[in-house]
Amino acid sequence: MPVAVQYRHMDITNFLSSIPGLVTWIVSDFFKVVLIIFLSFFLKNSMDVAADKLVQKTGNNRRLITIRQIMHSVSSGIIITIALIMILHHLGLDTTPILAGASLLGVAFGLGFQHTAKDFINGFFILFEDQFIVGDKVKIENFTGTVEKVTLRSTTIRDLDGNLHIISNGSIEQITVLKDKKG
């Protein structure tokens, strides 16, 4: 047999011999990955629906609407992270070094992101002390407007000119909740 024909024959033989492994992977791991993705979307949507029903059941309380926004973003981050680690594990990657590296990065970021930690702590107190909520008219530092969004990290207000101001919660030292002129 000529050399070129022999190599071509070996490539086809190698390909054909790898098909059972590919089929096994598709049947087992691929469906597991698809199942993880499906369950992640289902869990995320279930949590969002539960949060939305809680807000509707309590009469669309503005404070609960604000907390619902935070629940949506936090649950997304947690579910996506866990699903990604599970998918990498099912694809054959050892996730132990990833988790260990994430722990070390967490310590490094914790030291480097003290300002962000201050934002989260202040955001927590803003929400749970009910200092202001979405829809309130406020004056924060030099900005006056209506609160459009409150997260643990920042507060977004829109002024009378339509400008959007995003203020980190850690920088907020003084808040004035303005009286509504209607009543």
Protein backbone atom coordinates (compact mmCIF):
# COMPACT_ATOMS: atom_id res chain seq x y z
CA MET A 1 0.00 0.00 0.00
CA PRO A 2 1.40 3.43 -0.86
CA VAL A 3 2.34 5.61 2.11
CA ALA A 4 -0.32 8.32 1.44
CA VAL A 5 -3.07 5.71 1.23
CA GLN A 6 -1.82 4.10 4.45
CA TYR A 7 -1.99 7.42 6.39
CA ARG A 8 -5.45 8.13 5.05
CA HIS A 9 -6.54 4.66 6.13
CA MET A 10 -5.15 5.22 9.65
CA ASP A 11 -6.93 8.60 9.96
CA ILE A 12 -10.26 7.04 9.01
CA THR A 13 -9.63 4.15 11.37
CA ASN A 14 -8.78 6.55 14.21
CA PHE A 15 -11.85 8.61 13.45
CA LEU A 16 -14.12 5.57 13.36
CA SER A 17 -12.66 4.26 16.61
CA SER A 18 -13.33 7.60 18.33
CA ILE A 19 -17.04 7.61 17.42
CA PRO A 20 -18.14 5.39 20.33
CA GLY A 21 -16.38 7.74 22.79
CA LEU A 22 -18.03 10.73 21.15
CA VAL A 23 -21.44 9.08 21.29
CA THR A 24 -20.89 8.19 24.95
CA TRP A 25 -19.95 11.80 25.71
CA ILE A 26 -22.97 13.17 23.85
CA VAL A 27 -25.34 10.77 25.57
CA SER A 28 -23.98 11.29 29.08
CA ASP A 29 -22.09 14.55 29.63
CA PHE A 30 -23.73 16.65 26.93
CA PHE A 31 -27.20 15.90 28.28
CA LYS A 32 -25.97 16.61 31.81
CA VAL A 33 -24.66 20.00 30.69
CA VAL A 34 -27.95 20.76 28.94
CA LEU A 35 -29.82 19.65 32.08
CA ILE A 36 -27.68 21.94 34.26
CA ILE A 37 -28.40 24.89 31.95
CA PHE A 38 -32.11 24.08 31.89
CA LEU A 39 -32.32 23.71 35.68
CA SER A 40 -30.37 26.95 36.17
CA PHE A 41 -32.83 28.87 33.99
CA PHE A 42 -35.76 27.18 35.73
CA LEU A 43 -34.39 28.00 39.20
CA LYS A 44 -33.62 31.62 38.24
CA ASN A 45 -37.07 32.13 36.72
CA SER A 46 -38.73 30.48 39.74
CA MET A 47 -36.91 32.81 42.11
CA ASP A 48 -37.83 35.83 39.99
CA VAL A 49 -41.50 34.79 39.87
CA ALA A 50 -41.53 34.22 43.64
CA ALA A 51 -40.03 37.67 44.26
CA ASP A 52 -42.52 39.26 41.85
CA LYS A 53 -45.48 37.51 43.53
CA LEU A 54 -44.28 38.64 46.94
CA VAL A 55 -44.22 42.24 45.75
CA GLN A 56 -47.65 41.94 44.12
CA LYS A 57 -49.12 40.23 47.20
CA THR A 58 -47.97 43.06 49.47
CA GLY A 59 -49.44 45.77 47.27
CA ASN A 60 -46.38 46.79 45.26
CA ASN A 61 -44.63 48.34 48.25
CA ARG A 62 -41.80 50.49 46.87
CA ARG A 63 -39.34 49.12 49.42
CA LEU A 64 -40.10 45.57 48.32
CA ILE A 65 -39.70 46.58 44.67
CA THR A 66 -36.22 47.83 45.54
CA ILE A 67 -35.37 44.62 47.40
CA ARG A 68 -36.76 42.60 44.45
CA GLN A 69 -34.29 44.30 42.10
CA ILE A 70 -31.44 43.27 44.37
CA MET A 71 -32.76 39.69 44.65
CA HIS A 72 -32.88 39.45 40.85
CA SER A 73 -29.25 40.51 40.40
CA VAL A 74 -27.80 38.55 43.34
CA SER A 75 -29.63 35.33 42.42
CA SER A 76 -28.43 35.65 38.82
CA GLY A 77 -24.82 35.93 39.90
CA ILE A 78 -24.97 33.00 42.31
CA ILE A 79 -26.85 30.66 39.97
CA ILE A 80 -24.65 31.45 36.96
CA THR A 81 -21.47 30.89 38.99
CA ILE A 82 -22.62 27.55 40.38
CA ALA A 83 -23.89 26.37 36.98
CA LEU A 84 -20.61 27.34 35.30
CA ILE A 85 -18.57 25.38 37.85
CA MET A 86 -20.85 22.35 37.45
CA ILE A 87 -20.60 22.51 33.65
CA LEU A 88 -16.80 22.74 33.76
CA HIS A 89 -16.75 19.73 36.07
CA HIS A 90 -18.92 17.69 33.67
CA LEU A 91 -16.70 18.68 30.76
CA GLY A 92 -13.83 16.95 32.53
CA LEU A 93 -12.06 19.95 34.01
CA ASP A 94 -10.88 19.68 37.60
CA THR A 95 -12.72 22.49 39.36
CA THR A 96 -10.75 22.19 42.60
CA PRO A 97 -7.96 24.50 41.40
CA ILE A 98 -10.57 26.90 40.06
CA LEU A 99 -12.31 27.05 43.43
CA ALA A 100 -8.99 27.35 45.28
CA GLY A 101 -7.87 30.10 42.92
CA ALA A 102 -11.21 31.85 43.36
CA SER A 103 -10.69 31.74 47.13
CA LEU A 104 -7.26 33.33 46.82
CA LEU A 105 -8.60 35.91 44.38
CA GLY A 106 -11.41 36.58 46.83
CA VAL A 107 -8.90 37.45 49.53
CA ALA A 108 -6.89 39.63 47.15
CA PHE A 109 -9.98 41.40 45.86
CA GLY A 110 -11.26 41.79 49.41
CA LEU A 111 -8.14 43.69 50.31
CA GLY A 112 -8.18 45.68 47.09
CA PHE A 113 -11.90 46.43 47.06
CA GLN A 114 -12.46 47.87 50.49
CA HIS A 115 -14.28 50.79 48.92
CA THR A 116 -16.69 48.38 47.24
CA ALA A 117 -17.25 46.66 50.57
CA LYS A 118 -18.11 50.06 52.04
CA ASP A 119 -20.59 50.54 49.18
CA PHE A 120 -22.28 47.22 49.99
CA ILE A 121 -22.44 47.90 53.72
CA ASN A 122 -23.91 51.38 53.20
CA GLY A 123 -26.34 49.95 50.61
CA PHE A 124 -27.46 47.34 53.12
CA PHE A 125 -28.19 50.02 55.72
CA ILE A 126 -29.95 52.25 53.18
CA LEU A 127 -32.32 49.41 52.29
CA PHE A 128 -32.97 47.91 55.67
CA GLU A 129 -33.19 51.18 57.58
CA ASP A 130 -35.63 52.33 54.90
CA GLN A 131 -33.72 55.60 54.41
CA PHE A 132 -35.12 56.02 50.90
CA ILE A 133 -36.57 53.77 48.22
CA VAL A 134 -37.33 53.77 44.50
CA GLY A 135 -39.66 56.66 43.66
CA ASP A 136 -38.59 58.95 46.51
CA LYS A 137 -37.47 62.48 45.72
CA VAL A 138 -34.07 62.95 47.35
CA LYS A 139 -31.08 65.21 47.58
CA ILE A 140 -27.86 63.22 47.82
CA GLU A 141 -24.73 65.34 48.08
CA ASN A 142 -25.11 67.85 45.18
CA PHE A 143 -27.70 65.86 43.22
CA THR A 144 -31.47 66.26 43.53
CA GLY A 145 -33.93 64.00 41.76
CA THR A 146 -36.11 60.91 41.85
CA VAL A 147 -34.61 57.58 42.91
CA GLU A 148 -34.82 55.18 39.96
CA LYS A 149 -32.78 52.28 41.27
CA VAL A 150 -31.13 51.22 44.51
CA THR A 151 -28.69 48.33 44.66
CA LEU A 152 -26.33 47.29 47.39
CA ARG A 153 -23.50 49.06 45.53
CA SER A 154 -25.07 52.23 44.10
CA THR A 155 -28.05 54.52 43.94
CA THR A 156 -29.36 55.91 40.65
CA ILE A 157 -31.31 59.17 40.60
CA ARG A 158 -32.73 61.19 37.72
CA ASP A 159 -32.72 64.97 38.10
CA LEU A 160 -35.34 67.40 36.77
CA ASP A 161 -33.34 67.91 33.55
CA GLY A 162 -33.49 64.16 32.84
CA ASN A 163 -29.84 63.52 33.69
CA LEU A 164 -29.10 60.17 35.31
CA HIS A 165 -26.70 60.19 38.27
CA ILE A 166 -25.20 56.98 39.62
CA ILE A 167 -23.82 57.48 43.12
CA SER A 168 -21.82 54.83 44.97
CA ASN A 169 -23.45 54.12 48.31
CA GLY A 170 -20.09 54.33 50.08
CA SER A 171 -19.75 57.98 49.12
CA ILE A 172 -23.16 58.99 50.47
CA GLU A 173 -22.71 60.96 53.67
CA GLN A 174 -25.87 63.04 53.71
CA ILE A 175 -29.33 62.26 52.37
CA THR A 176 -32.31 64.58 52.31
CA VAL A 177 -35.64 62.95 51.48
CA LEU A 178 -37.70 65.73 49.95
CA LYS A 179 -41.33 66.21 50.84
CA ASP A 180 -43.76 65.47 48.03
CA LYS A 181 -45.43 68.79 47.04
CA LYS A 182 -48.77 67.05 46.42
CA GLY A 183 -49.67 66.68 50.03
